[in-house]
mmCIF file of all heavy atoms, coordinates in Angstrom:
data_MODEL
# 
_entry.id   MODEL 
# 
loop_
_atom_site.group_PDB 
_atom_site.id 
_atom_site.type_symbol 
_atom_site.label_atom_id 
_atom_site.label_alt_id 
_atom_site.label_comp_id 
_atom_site.label_asym_id 
_atom_site.label_entity_id 
_atom_site.label_seq_id 
_atom_site.pdbx_PDB_ins_code 
_atom_site.Cartn_x 
_atom_site.Cartn_y 
_atom_site.Cartn_z 
_atom_site.occupancy 
_atom_site.B_iso_or_equiv 
_atom_site.pdbx_formal_charge 
_atom_site.auth_seq_id 
_atom_site.auth_comp_id 
_atom_site.auth_asym_id 
_atom_site.auth_atom_id 
_atom_site.pdbx_PDB_model_num 
ATOM 1   N N   . GLU A 1 1  ? 0.883  -1.146 0.012   1.00 0.00 ? 1  GLU A N   1 
ATOM 2   C CA  . GLU A 1 1  ? -0.037 0.039  0.013   1.00 0.00 ? 1  GLU A CA  1 
ATOM 3   C C   . GLU A 1 1  ? 0.814  1.288  -0.007  1.00 0.00 ? 1  GLU A C   1 
ATOM 4   O O   . GLU A 1 1  ? 0.533  2.263  -0.684  1.00 0.00 ? 1  GLU A O   1 
ATOM 5   C CB  . GLU A 1 1  ? -0.898 -0.022 1.224   1.00 0.00 ? 1  GLU A CB  1 
ATOM 6   C CG  . GLU A 1 1  ? -2.090 -1.084 1.035   1.00 0.00 ? 1  GLU A CG  1 
ATOM 7   C CD  . GLU A 1 1  ? -3.132 -0.954 2.069   1.00 0.00 ? 1  GLU A CD  1 
ATOM 8   O OE1 . GLU A 1 1  ? -2.765 -0.261 3.180   1.00 0.00 ? 1  GLU A OE1 1 
ATOM 9   O OE2 . GLU A 1 1  ? -4.206 -1.560 2.055   1.00 0.00 ? 1  GLU A OE2 1 
ATOM 10  N N   . THR A 1 2  ? 2.009  1.228  0.688   1.00 0.00 ? 2  THR A N   1 
ATOM 11  C CA  . THR A 1 2  ? 2.989  2.330  0.664   1.00 0.00 ? 2  THR A CA  1 
ATOM 12  C C   . THR A 1 2  ? 3.330  2.562  -0.760  1.00 0.00 ? 2  THR A C   1 
ATOM 13  O O   . THR A 1 2  ? 3.339  3.758  -1.262  1.00 0.00 ? 2  THR A O   1 
ATOM 14  C CB  . THR A 1 2  ? 4.150  2.096  1.553   1.00 0.00 ? 2  THR A CB  1 
ATOM 15  O OG1 . THR A 1 2  ? 3.571  1.932  2.906   1.00 0.00 ? 2  THR A OG1 1 
ATOM 16  C CG2 . THR A 1 2  ? 5.172  3.339  1.447   1.00 0.00 ? 2  THR A CG2 1 
ATOM 17  N N   . THR A 1 3  ? 3.865  1.631  -1.522  1.00 0.00 ? 3  THR A N   1 
ATOM 18  C CA  . THR A 1 3  ? 4.237  1.729  -2.785  1.00 0.00 ? 3  THR A CA  1 
ATOM 19  C C   . THR A 1 3  ? 3.187  2.154  -3.712  1.00 0.00 ? 3  THR A C   1 
ATOM 20  O O   . THR A 1 3  ? 3.263  3.028  -4.594  1.00 0.00 ? 3  THR A O   1 
ATOM 21  C CB  . THR A 1 3  ? 4.822  0.394  -3.270  1.00 0.00 ? 3  THR A CB  1 
ATOM 22  O OG1 . THR A 1 3  ? 5.981  -0.062 -2.401  1.00 0.00 ? 3  THR A OG1 1 
ATOM 23  C CG2 . THR A 1 3  ? 5.415  0.477  -4.769  1.00 0.00 ? 3  THR A CG2 1 
ATOM 24  N N   . PHE A 1 4  ? 1.983  1.528  -3.545  1.00 0.00 ? 4  PHE A N   1 
ATOM 25  C CA  . PHE A 1 4  ? 0.822  1.910  -4.481  1.00 0.00 ? 4  PHE A CA  1 
ATOM 26  C C   . PHE A 1 4  ? 0.406  3.296  -4.293  1.00 0.00 ? 4  PHE A C   1 
ATOM 27  O O   . PHE A 1 4  ? 0.315  4.059  -5.423  1.00 0.00 ? 4  PHE A O   1 
ATOM 28  C CB  . PHE A 1 4  ? -0.340 0.856  -4.094  1.00 0.00 ? 4  PHE A CB  1 
ATOM 29  C CG  . PHE A 1 4  ? -1.592 1.217  -4.770  1.00 0.00 ? 4  PHE A CG  1 
ATOM 30  C CD1 . PHE A 1 4  ? -1.834 0.949  -6.004  1.00 0.00 ? 4  PHE A CD1 1 
ATOM 31  C CD2 . PHE A 1 4  ? -2.714 1.851  -4.104  1.00 0.00 ? 4  PHE A CD2 1 
ATOM 32  C CE1 . PHE A 1 4  ? -2.916 1.278  -6.807  1.00 0.00 ? 4  PHE A CE1 1 
ATOM 33  C CE2 . PHE A 1 4  ? -3.918 2.130  -4.781  1.00 0.00 ? 4  PHE A CE2 1 
ATOM 34  C CZ  . PHE A 1 4  ? -4.023 1.867  -6.078  1.00 0.00 ? 4  PHE A CZ  1 
ATOM 35  N N   . PHE A 1 5  ? 0.305  3.811  -3.147  1.00 0.00 ? 5  PHE A N   1 
ATOM 36  C CA  . PHE A 1 5  ? -0.178 5.217  -2.866  1.00 0.00 ? 5  PHE A CA  1 
ATOM 37  C C   . PHE A 1 5  ? 0.997  6.214  -3.335  1.00 0.00 ? 5  PHE A C   1 
ATOM 38  O O   . PHE A 1 5  ? 0.769  7.296  -3.706  1.00 0.00 ? 5  PHE A O   1 
ATOM 39  C CB  . PHE A 1 5  ? -0.564 5.457  -1.481  1.00 0.00 ? 5  PHE A CB  1 
ATOM 40  C CG  . PHE A 1 5  ? -2.008 4.808  -1.280  1.00 0.00 ? 5  PHE A CG  1 
ATOM 41  C CD1 . PHE A 1 5  ? -2.092 3.632  -0.440  1.00 0.00 ? 5  PHE A CD1 1 
ATOM 42  C CD2 . PHE A 1 5  ? -3.126 5.263  -1.778  1.00 0.00 ? 5  PHE A CD2 1 
ATOM 43  C CE1 . PHE A 1 5  ? -3.314 3.098  -0.179  1.00 0.00 ? 5  PHE A CE1 1 
ATOM 44  C CE2 . PHE A 1 5  ? -4.428 4.718  -1.561  1.00 0.00 ? 5  PHE A CE2 1 
ATOM 45  C CZ  . PHE A 1 5  ? -4.488 3.562  -0.804  1.00 0.00 ? 5  PHE A CZ  1 
ATOM 46  N N   . ASN A 1 6  ? 2.264  5.825  -3.192  1.00 0.00 ? 6  ASN A N   1 
ATOM 47  C CA  . ASN A 1 6  ? 3.314  6.720  -3.733  1.00 0.00 ? 6  ASN A CA  1 
ATOM 48  C C   . ASN A 1 6  ? 3.250  6.733  -5.271  1.00 0.00 ? 6  ASN A C   1 
ATOM 49  O O   . ASN A 1 6  ? 3.479  7.808  -5.819  1.00 0.00 ? 6  ASN A O   1 
ATOM 50  C CB  . ASN A 1 6  ? 4.678  6.057  -3.264  1.00 0.00 ? 6  ASN A CB  1 
ATOM 51  C CG  . ASN A 1 6  ? 4.955  6.391  -1.870  1.00 0.00 ? 6  ASN A CG  1 
ATOM 52  O OD1 . ASN A 1 6  ? 4.510  7.203  -1.172  1.00 0.00 ? 6  ASN A OD1 1 
ATOM 53  N ND2 . ASN A 1 6  ? 5.865  5.570  -1.192  1.00 0.00 ? 6  ASN A ND2 1 
ATOM 54  N N   . MET A 1 7  ? 2.901  5.696  -5.890  1.00 0.00 ? 7  MET A N   1 
ATOM 55  C CA  . MET A 1 7  ? 2.830  5.753  -7.235  1.00 0.00 ? 7  MET A CA  1 
ATOM 56  C C   . MET A 1 7  ? 1.646  6.522  -7.778  1.00 0.00 ? 7  MET A C   1 
ATOM 57  O O   . MET A 1 7  ? 1.681  7.310  -8.772  1.00 0.00 ? 7  MET A O   1 
ATOM 58  C CB  . MET A 1 7  ? 2.549  4.243  -7.882  1.00 0.00 ? 7  MET A CB  1 
ATOM 59  C CG  . MET A 1 7  ? 3.784  3.447  -7.608  1.00 0.00 ? 7  MET A CG  1 
ATOM 60  S SD  . MET A 1 7  ? 3.562  1.632  -8.161  1.00 0.00 ? 7  MET A SD  1 
ATOM 61  C CE  . MET A 1 7  ? 3.773  1.775  -9.977  1.00 0.00 ? 7  MET A CE  1 
ATOM 62  N N   . LEU A 1 8  ? 0.522  6.527  -6.891  1.00 0.00 ? 8  LEU A N   1 
ATOM 63  C CA  . LEU A 1 8  ? -0.791 7.361  -7.339  1.00 0.00 ? 8  LEU A CA  1 
ATOM 64  C C   . LEU A 1 8  ? -0.349 8.830  -7.060  1.00 0.00 ? 8  LEU A C   1 
ATOM 65  O O   . LEU A 1 8  ? -0.660 9.627  -7.924  1.00 0.00 ? 8  LEU A O   1 
ATOM 66  C CB  . LEU A 1 8  ? -1.885 7.030  -6.386  1.00 0.00 ? 8  LEU A CB  1 
ATOM 67  C CG  . LEU A 1 8  ? -2.451 5.708  -6.516  1.00 0.00 ? 8  LEU A CG  1 
ATOM 68  C CD1 . LEU A 1 8  ? -3.783 5.666  -5.681  1.00 0.00 ? 8  LEU A CD1 1 
ATOM 69  C CD2 . LEU A 1 8  ? -2.953 5.373  -8.095  1.00 0.00 ? 8  LEU A CD2 1 
ATOM 70  N N   . ASN A 1 9  ? 0.611  9.112  -6.035  1.00 0.00 ? 9  ASN A N   1 
ATOM 71  C CA  . ASN A 1 9  ? 0.869  10.573 -5.940  1.00 0.00 ? 9  ASN A CA  1 
ATOM 72  C C   . ASN A 1 9  ? 1.909  11.002 -6.933  1.00 0.00 ? 9  ASN A C   1 
ATOM 73  O O   . ASN A 1 9  ? 1.750  12.099 -7.446  1.00 0.00 ? 9  ASN A O   1 
ATOM 74  C CB  . ASN A 1 9  ? 1.685  10.562 -4.522  1.00 0.00 ? 9  ASN A CB  1 
ATOM 75  C CG  . ASN A 1 9  ? 0.819  10.475 -3.299  1.00 0.00 ? 9  ASN A CG  1 
ATOM 76  O OD1 . ASN A 1 9  ? -0.385 10.756 -3.371  1.00 0.00 ? 9  ASN A OD1 1 
ATOM 77  N ND2 . ASN A 1 9  ? 1.288  10.167 -2.155  1.00 0.00 ? 9  ASN A ND2 1 
ATOM 78  N N   . LEU A 1 10 ? 2.660  10.059 -7.508  1.00 0.00 ? 10 LEU A N   1 
ATOM 79  C CA  . LEU A 1 10 ? 3.562  10.273 -8.562  1.00 0.00 ? 10 LEU A CA  1 
ATOM 80  C C   . LEU A 1 10 ? 2.841  10.639 -9.859  1.00 0.00 ? 10 LEU A C   1 
ATOM 81  O O   . LEU A 1 10 ? 2.996  11.663 -10.641 1.00 0.00 ? 10 LEU A O   1 
ATOM 82  C CB  . LEU A 1 10 ? 4.556  9.278  -8.725  1.00 0.00 ? 10 LEU A CB  1 
ATOM 83  C CG  . LEU A 1 10 ? 5.631  9.373  -9.979  1.00 0.00 ? 10 LEU A CG  1 
ATOM 84  C CD1 . LEU A 1 10 ? 6.323  10.795 -9.844  1.00 0.00 ? 10 LEU A CD1 1 
ATOM 85  C CD2 . LEU A 1 10 ? 6.522  8.226  -10.090 1.00 0.00 ? 10 LEU A CD2 1 
ATOM 86  N N   . LEU A 1 11 ? 1.677  9.852  -10.084 1.00 0.00 ? 11 LEU A N   1 
ATOM 87  C CA  . LEU A 1 11 ? 0.876  10.097 -11.126 1.00 0.00 ? 11 LEU A CA  1 
ATOM 88  C C   . LEU A 1 11 ? 0.207  11.434 -11.160 1.00 0.00 ? 11 LEU A C   1 
ATOM 89  O O   . LEU A 1 11 ? 0.018  12.089 -12.180 1.00 0.00 ? 11 LEU A O   1 
ATOM 90  C CB  . LEU A 1 11 ? -0.158 8.962  -11.354 1.00 0.00 ? 11 LEU A CB  1 
ATOM 91  C CG  . LEU A 1 11 ? -1.151 9.101  -12.540 1.00 0.00 ? 11 LEU A CG  1 
ATOM 92  C CD1 . LEU A 1 11 ? -0.339 8.694  -13.944 1.00 0.00 ? 11 LEU A CD1 1 
ATOM 93  C CD2 . LEU A 1 11 ? -2.330 8.031  -12.386 1.00 0.00 ? 11 LEU A CD2 1 
ATOM 94  N N   . GLN A 1 12 ? -0.328 11.718 -9.906  1.00 0.00 ? 12 GLN A N   1 
ATOM 95  C CA  . GLN A 1 12 ? -0.887 13.089 -9.752  1.00 0.00 ? 12 GLN A CA  1 
ATOM 96  C C   . GLN A 1 12 ? 0.031  14.161 -9.931  1.00 0.00 ? 12 GLN A C   1 
ATOM 97  O O   . GLN A 1 12 ? -0.312 15.280 -10.588 1.00 0.00 ? 12 GLN A O   1 
ATOM 98  C CB  . GLN A 1 12 ? -1.481 13.239 -8.226  1.00 0.00 ? 12 GLN A CB  1 
ATOM 99  C CG  . GLN A 1 12 ? -2.225 14.435 -7.990  1.00 0.00 ? 12 GLN A CG  1 
ATOM 100 C CD  . GLN A 1 12 ? -3.415 14.546 -8.916  1.00 0.00 ? 12 GLN A CD  1 
ATOM 101 O OE1 . GLN A 1 12 ? -4.315 13.661 -9.030  1.00 0.00 ? 12 GLN A OE1 1 
ATOM 102 N NE2 . GLN A 1 12 ? -3.574 15.753 -9.495  1.00 0.00 ? 12 GLN A NE2 1 
ATOM 103 N N   . GLU A 1 13 ? 1.273  14.061 -9.591  1.00 0.00 ? 13 GLU A N   1 
ATOM 104 C CA  . GLU A 1 13 ? 2.371  15.046 -9.709  1.00 0.00 ? 13 GLU A CA  1 
ATOM 105 C C   . GLU A 1 13 ? 2.543  15.133 -11.208 1.00 0.00 ? 13 GLU A C   1 
ATOM 106 O O   . GLU A 1 13 ? 2.796  16.287 -11.715 1.00 0.00 ? 13 GLU A O   1 
ATOM 107 C CB  . GLU A 1 13 ? 3.590  14.558 -9.066  1.00 0.00 ? 13 GLU A CB  1 
ATOM 108 C CG  . GLU A 1 13 ? 4.747  15.598 -9.080  1.00 0.00 ? 13 GLU A CG  1 
ATOM 109 C CD  . GLU A 1 13 ? 5.968  15.098 -8.361  1.00 0.00 ? 13 GLU A CD  1 
ATOM 110 O OE1 . GLU A 1 13 ? 5.758  14.233 -7.451  1.00 0.00 ? 13 GLU A OE1 1 
ATOM 111 O OE2 . GLU A 1 13 ? 7.086  15.635 -8.615  1.00 0.00 ? 13 GLU A OE2 1 
ATOM 112 N N   . ILE A 1 14 ? 2.675  14.028 -11.938 1.00 0.00 ? 14 ILE A N   1 
ATOM 113 C CA  . ILE A 1 14 ? 2.779  14.223 -13.450 1.00 0.00 ? 14 ILE A CA  1 
ATOM 114 C C   . ILE A 1 14 ? 1.750  14.982 -14.130 1.00 0.00 ? 14 ILE A C   1 
ATOM 115 O O   . ILE A 1 14 ? 1.970  15.897 -14.924 1.00 0.00 ? 14 ILE A O   1 
ATOM 116 C CB  . ILE A 1 14 ? 2.916  12.678 -14.070 1.00 0.00 ? 14 ILE A CB  1 
ATOM 117 C CG1 . ILE A 1 14 ? 4.253  12.080 -13.730 1.00 0.00 ? 14 ILE A CG1 1 
ATOM 118 C CG2 . ILE A 1 14 ? 2.730  12.871 -15.620 1.00 0.00 ? 14 ILE A CG2 1 
ATOM 119 C CD1 . ILE A 1 14 ? 4.354  10.619 -14.213 1.00 0.00 ? 14 ILE A CD1 1 
ATOM 120 N N   . VAL A 1 15 ? 0.515  14.672 -13.722 1.00 0.00 ? 15 VAL A N   1 
ATOM 121 C CA  . VAL A 1 15 ? -0.688 15.479 -14.276 1.00 0.00 ? 15 VAL A CA  1 
ATOM 122 C C   . VAL A 1 15 ? -0.596 16.927 -13.975 1.00 0.00 ? 15 VAL A C   1 
ATOM 123 O O   . VAL A 1 15 ? -0.822 17.771 -14.796 1.00 0.00 ? 15 VAL A O   1 
ATOM 124 C CB  . VAL A 1 15 ? -2.044 14.816 -13.638 1.00 0.00 ? 15 VAL A CB  1 
ATOM 125 C CG1 . VAL A 1 15 ? -3.087 15.674 -14.167 1.00 0.00 ? 15 VAL A CG1 1 
ATOM 126 C CG2 . VAL A 1 15 ? -2.267 13.366 -14.236 1.00 0.00 ? 15 VAL A CG2 1 
ATOM 127 N N   . ASN A 1 16 ? -0.262 17.268 -12.691 1.00 0.00 ? 16 ASN A N   1 
ATOM 128 C CA  . ASN A 1 16 ? -0.219 18.699 -12.196 1.00 0.00 ? 16 ASN A CA  1 
ATOM 129 C C   . ASN A 1 16 ? 0.849  19.448 -12.941 1.00 0.00 ? 16 ASN A C   1 
ATOM 130 O O   . ASN A 1 16 ? 0.798  20.672 -13.289 1.00 0.00 ? 16 ASN A O   1 
ATOM 131 C CB  . ASN A 1 16 ? 0.117  18.695 -10.859 1.00 0.00 ? 16 ASN A CB  1 
ATOM 132 C CG  . ASN A 1 16 ? -1.092 18.204 -9.993  1.00 0.00 ? 16 ASN A CG  1 
ATOM 133 O OD1 . ASN A 1 16 ? -2.240 18.188 -10.346 1.00 0.00 ? 16 ASN A OD1 1 
ATOM 134 N ND2 . ASN A 1 16 ? -0.892 17.910 -8.684  1.00 0.00 ? 16 ASN A ND2 1 
ATOM 135 N N   . ASN A 1 17 ? 1.940  18.591 -13.386 1.00 0.00 ? 17 ASN A N   1 
ATOM 136 C CA  . ASN A 1 17 ? 3.115  19.297 -14.125 1.00 0.00 ? 17 ASN A CA  1 
ATOM 137 C C   . ASN A 1 17 ? 2.849  19.447 -15.665 1.00 0.00 ? 17 ASN A C   1 
ATOM 138 O O   . ASN A 1 17 ? 3.862  19.851 -16.275 1.00 0.00 ? 17 ASN A O   1 
ATOM 139 C CB  . ASN A 1 17 ? 4.439  18.541 -13.810 1.00 0.00 ? 17 ASN A CB  1 
ATOM 140 C CG  . ASN A 1 17 ? 4.757  18.851 -12.341 1.00 0.00 ? 17 ASN A CG  1 
ATOM 141 O OD1 . ASN A 1 17 ? 4.517  19.860 -11.741 1.00 0.00 ? 17 ASN A OD1 1 
ATOM 142 N ND2 . ASN A 1 17 ? 5.515  17.951 -11.792 1.00 0.00 ? 17 ASN A ND2 1 
ATOM 143 N N   . LEU A 1 18 ? 1.800  18.855 -16.152 1.00 0.00 ? 18 LEU A N   1 
ATOM 144 C CA  . LEU A 1 18 ? 1.584  18.907 -17.554 1.00 0.00 ? 18 LEU A CA  1 
ATOM 145 C C   . LEU A 1 18 ? 1.453  20.349 -17.963 1.00 0.00 ? 18 LEU A C   1 
ATOM 146 O O   . LEU A 1 18 ? 0.696  21.137 -17.300 1.00 0.00 ? 18 LEU A O   1 
ATOM 147 C CB  . LEU A 1 18 ? 0.370  18.180 -17.942 1.00 0.00 ? 18 LEU A CB  1 
ATOM 148 C CG  . LEU A 1 18 ? 0.423  16.648 -17.953 1.00 0.00 ? 18 LEU A CG  1 
ATOM 149 C CD1 . LEU A 1 18 ? -0.919 15.923 -18.278 1.00 0.00 ? 18 LEU A CD1 1 
ATOM 150 C CD2 . LEU A 1 18 ? 1.507  16.227 -19.031 1.00 0.00 ? 18 LEU A CD2 1 
ATOM 151 N N   . SER A 1 19 ? 1.959  20.693 -19.158 1.00 0.00 ? 19 SER A N   1 
ATOM 152 C CA  . SER A 1 19 ? 1.943  22.125 -19.526 1.00 0.00 ? 19 SER A CA  1 
ATOM 153 C C   . SER A 1 19 ? 2.040  22.065 -21.057 1.00 0.00 ? 19 SER A C   1 
ATOM 154 O O   . SER A 1 19 ? 2.812  21.309 -21.722 1.00 0.00 ? 19 SER A O   1 
ATOM 155 C CB  . SER A 1 19 ? 3.090  22.964 -19.045 1.00 0.00 ? 19 SER A CB  1 
ATOM 156 O OG  . SER A 1 19 ? 3.034  24.230 -19.562 1.00 0.00 ? 19 SER A OG  1 
ATOM 157 N N   . HIS A 1 20 ? 1.181  22.902 -21.733 1.00 0.00 ? 20 HIS A N   1 
ATOM 158 C CA  . HIS A 1 20 ? 1.114  22.842 -23.219 1.00 0.00 ? 20 HIS A CA  1 
ATOM 159 C C   . HIS A 1 20 ? 1.051  24.396 -23.629 1.00 0.00 ? 20 HIS A C   1 
ATOM 160 O O   . HIS A 1 20 ? 0.030  25.049 -23.207 1.00 0.00 ? 20 HIS A O   1 
ATOM 161 C CB  . HIS A 1 20 ? 0.015  22.077 -23.730 1.00 0.00 ? 20 HIS A CB  1 
ATOM 162 C CG  . HIS A 1 20 ? -0.121 22.109 -25.216 1.00 0.00 ? 20 HIS A CG  1 
ATOM 163 N ND1 . HIS A 1 20 ? 0.890  21.565 -26.152 1.00 0.00 ? 20 HIS A ND1 1 
ATOM 164 C CD2 . HIS A 1 20 ? -1.063 22.690 -26.040 1.00 0.00 ? 20 HIS A CD2 1 
ATOM 165 C CE1 . HIS A 1 20 ? 0.552  21.645 -27.319 1.00 0.00 ? 20 HIS A CE1 1 
ATOM 166 N NE2 . HIS A 1 20 ? -0.686 22.391 -27.406 1.00 0.00 ? 20 HIS A NE2 1 
ATOM 167 N N   . LYS A 1 21 ? 1.890  24.735 -24.528 1.00 0.00 ? 21 LYS A N   1 
ATOM 168 C CA  . LYS A 1 21 ? 1.919  26.179 -25.030 1.00 0.00 ? 21 LYS A CA  1 
ATOM 169 C C   . LYS A 1 21 ? 1.507  25.977 -26.622 1.00 0.00 ? 21 LYS A C   1 
ATOM 170 O O   . LYS A 1 21 ? 2.038  25.259 -27.385 1.00 0.00 ? 21 LYS A O   1 
ATOM 171 C CB  . LYS A 1 21 ? 3.114  26.870 -24.936 1.00 0.00 ? 21 LYS A CB  1 
ATOM 172 C CG  . LYS A 1 21 ? 3.121  28.256 -25.385 1.00 0.00 ? 21 LYS A CG  1 
ATOM 173 C CD  . LYS A 1 21 ? 4.440  29.014 -25.232 1.00 0.00 ? 21 LYS A CD  1 
ATOM 174 C CE  . LYS A 1 21 ? 4.564  30.309 -25.769 1.00 0.00 ? 21 LYS A CE  1 
ATOM 175 N NZ  . LYS A 1 21 ? 5.750  31.124 -25.566 1.00 0.00 ? 21 LYS A NZ  1 
ATOM 176 N N   . ASP A 1 22 ? 0.511  26.668 -27.047 1.00 0.00 ? 22 ASP A N   1 
ATOM 177 C CA  . ASP A 1 22 ? -0.058 26.613 -28.374 1.00 0.00 ? 22 ASP A CA  1 
ATOM 178 C C   . ASP A 1 22 ? -0.187 28.042 -28.942 1.00 0.00 ? 22 ASP A C   1 
ATOM 179 O O   . ASP A 1 22 ? -0.850 28.852 -28.321 1.00 0.00 ? 22 ASP A O   1 
ATOM 180 C CB  . ASP A 1 22 ? -1.413 25.903 -28.461 1.00 0.00 ? 22 ASP A CB  1 
ATOM 181 C CG  . ASP A 1 22 ? -1.680 25.362 -29.823 1.00 0.00 ? 22 ASP A CG  1 
ATOM 182 O OD1 . ASP A 1 22 ? -0.846 25.412 -30.687 1.00 0.00 ? 22 ASP A OD1 1 
ATOM 183 O OD2 . ASP A 1 22 ? -2.791 24.913 -29.931 1.00 0.00 ? 22 ASP A OD2 1 
ATOM 184 N N   . VAL A 1 23 ? 0.329  28.239 -30.146 1.00 0.00 ? 23 VAL A N   1 
ATOM 185 C CA  . VAL A 1 23 ? 0.241  29.446 -30.798 1.00 0.00 ? 23 VAL A CA  1 
ATOM 186 C C   . VAL A 1 23 ? -0.430 29.324 -32.107 1.00 0.00 ? 23 VAL A C   1 
ATOM 187 O O   . VAL A 1 23 ? 0.074  28.469 -32.908 1.00 0.00 ? 23 VAL A O   1 
ATOM 188 C CB  . VAL A 1 23 ? 1.607  30.247 -31.011 1.00 0.00 ? 23 VAL A CB  1 
ATOM 189 C CG1 . VAL A 1 23 ? 1.521  31.532 -31.815 1.00 0.00 ? 23 VAL A CG1 1 
ATOM 190 C CG2 . VAL A 1 23 ? 2.471  30.450 -29.658 1.00 0.00 ? 23 VAL A CG2 1 
ATOM 191 N N   . LYS A 1 24 ? -1.578 29.959 -32.288 1.00 0.00 ? 24 LYS A N   1 
ATOM 192 C CA  . LYS A 1 24 ? -2.334 29.901 -33.485 1.00 0.00 ? 24 LYS A CA  1 
ATOM 193 C C   . LYS A 1 24 ? -2.376 31.268 -34.259 1.00 0.00 ? 24 LYS A C   1 
ATOM 194 O O   . LYS A 1 24 ? -2.581 32.295 -33.500 1.00 0.00 ? 24 LYS A O   1 
ATOM 195 C CB  . LYS A 1 24 ? -3.722 29.426 -33.173 1.00 0.00 ? 24 LYS A CB  1 
ATOM 196 C CG  . LYS A 1 24 ? -3.750 28.022 -32.567 1.00 0.00 ? 24 LYS A CG  1 
ATOM 197 C CD  . LYS A 1 24 ? -5.205 27.519 -32.438 1.00 0.00 ? 24 LYS A CD  1 
ATOM 198 C CE  . LYS A 1 24 ? -5.233 26.038 -31.857 1.00 0.00 ? 24 LYS A CE  1 
ATOM 199 N NZ  . LYS A 1 24 ? -6.621 25.486 -31.784 1.00 0.00 ? 24 LYS A NZ  1 
ATOM 200 N N   . TYR A 1 25 ? -2.340 31.186 -35.462 1.00 0.00 ? 25 TYR A N   1 
ATOM 201 C CA  . TYR A 1 25 ? -2.301 32.405 -36.182 1.00 0.00 ? 25 TYR A CA  1 
ATOM 202 C C   . TYR A 1 25 ? -3.710 32.776 -36.699 1.00 0.00 ? 25 TYR A C   1 
ATOM 203 O O   . TYR A 1 25 ? -4.194 31.843 -37.498 1.00 0.00 ? 25 TYR A O   1 
ATOM 204 C CB  . TYR A 1 25 ? -1.307 32.331 -37.394 1.00 0.00 ? 25 TYR A CB  1 
ATOM 205 C CG  . TYR A 1 25 ? -1.329 33.665 -38.242 1.00 0.00 ? 25 TYR A CG  1 
ATOM 206 C CD1 . TYR A 1 25 ? -0.803 34.790 -37.794 1.00 0.00 ? 25 TYR A CD1 1 
ATOM 207 C CD2 . TYR A 1 25 ? -1.773 33.653 -39.590 1.00 0.00 ? 25 TYR A CD2 1 
ATOM 208 C CE1 . TYR A 1 25 ? -0.755 35.997 -38.563 1.00 0.00 ? 25 TYR A CE1 1 
ATOM 209 C CE2 . TYR A 1 25 ? -1.845 34.745 -40.335 1.00 0.00 ? 25 TYR A CE2 1 
ATOM 210 C CZ  . TYR A 1 25 ? -1.270 35.904 -39.740 1.00 0.00 ? 25 TYR A CZ  1 
ATOM 211 O OH  . TYR A 1 25 ? -1.237 37.050 -40.569 1.00 0.00 ? 25 TYR A OH  1 
ATOM 212 N N   . ILE A 1 26 ? -4.307 33.864 -36.406 1.00 0.00 ? 26 ILE A N   1 
ATOM 213 C CA  . ILE A 1 26 ? -5.659 34.068 -36.632 1.00 0.00 ? 26 ILE A CA  1 
ATOM 214 C C   . ILE A 1 26 ? -5.565 35.080 -38.041 1.00 0.00 ? 26 ILE A C   1 
ATOM 215 O O   . ILE A 1 26 ? -5.087 36.219 -37.876 1.00 0.00 ? 26 ILE A O   1 
ATOM 216 C CB  . ILE A 1 26 ? -6.520 34.899 -35.752 1.00 0.00 ? 26 ILE A CB  1 
ATOM 217 C CG1 . ILE A 1 26 ? -6.358 34.065 -34.368 1.00 0.00 ? 26 ILE A CG1 1 
ATOM 218 C CG2 . ILE A 1 26 ? -7.904 34.982 -36.105 1.00 0.00 ? 26 ILE A CG2 1 
ATOM 219 C CD1 . ILE A 1 26 ? -6.712 32.646 -34.458 1.00 0.00 ? 26 ILE A CD1 1 
ATOM 220 N N   . ILE A 1 27 ? -5.769 34.471 -39.245 1.00 0.00 ? 27 ILE A N   1 
ATOM 221 C CA  . ILE A 1 27 ? -5.657 35.204 -40.420 1.00 0.00 ? 27 ILE A CA  1 
ATOM 222 C C   . ILE A 1 27 ? -6.475 36.494 -40.500 1.00 0.00 ? 27 ILE A C   1 
ATOM 223 O O   . ILE A 1 27 ? -6.122 37.669 -40.885 1.00 0.00 ? 27 ILE A O   1 
ATOM 224 C CB  . ILE A 1 27 ? -5.744 34.297 -41.609 1.00 0.00 ? 27 ILE A CB  1 
ATOM 225 C CG1 . ILE A 1 27 ? -4.759 33.242 -41.730 1.00 0.00 ? 27 ILE A CG1 1 
ATOM 226 C CG2 . ILE A 1 27 ? -5.847 35.201 -42.990 1.00 0.00 ? 27 ILE A CG2 1 
ATOM 227 C CD1 . ILE A 1 27 ? -4.856 32.400 -42.875 1.00 0.00 ? 27 ILE A CD1 1 
# 
């Protein structure tokens, strides 16, 4: 359970750190 919940926390950390920058040209 210690390992399992640590892995869940790591997954949550990955999600929180997701970042996407998108630049669109509006003609």
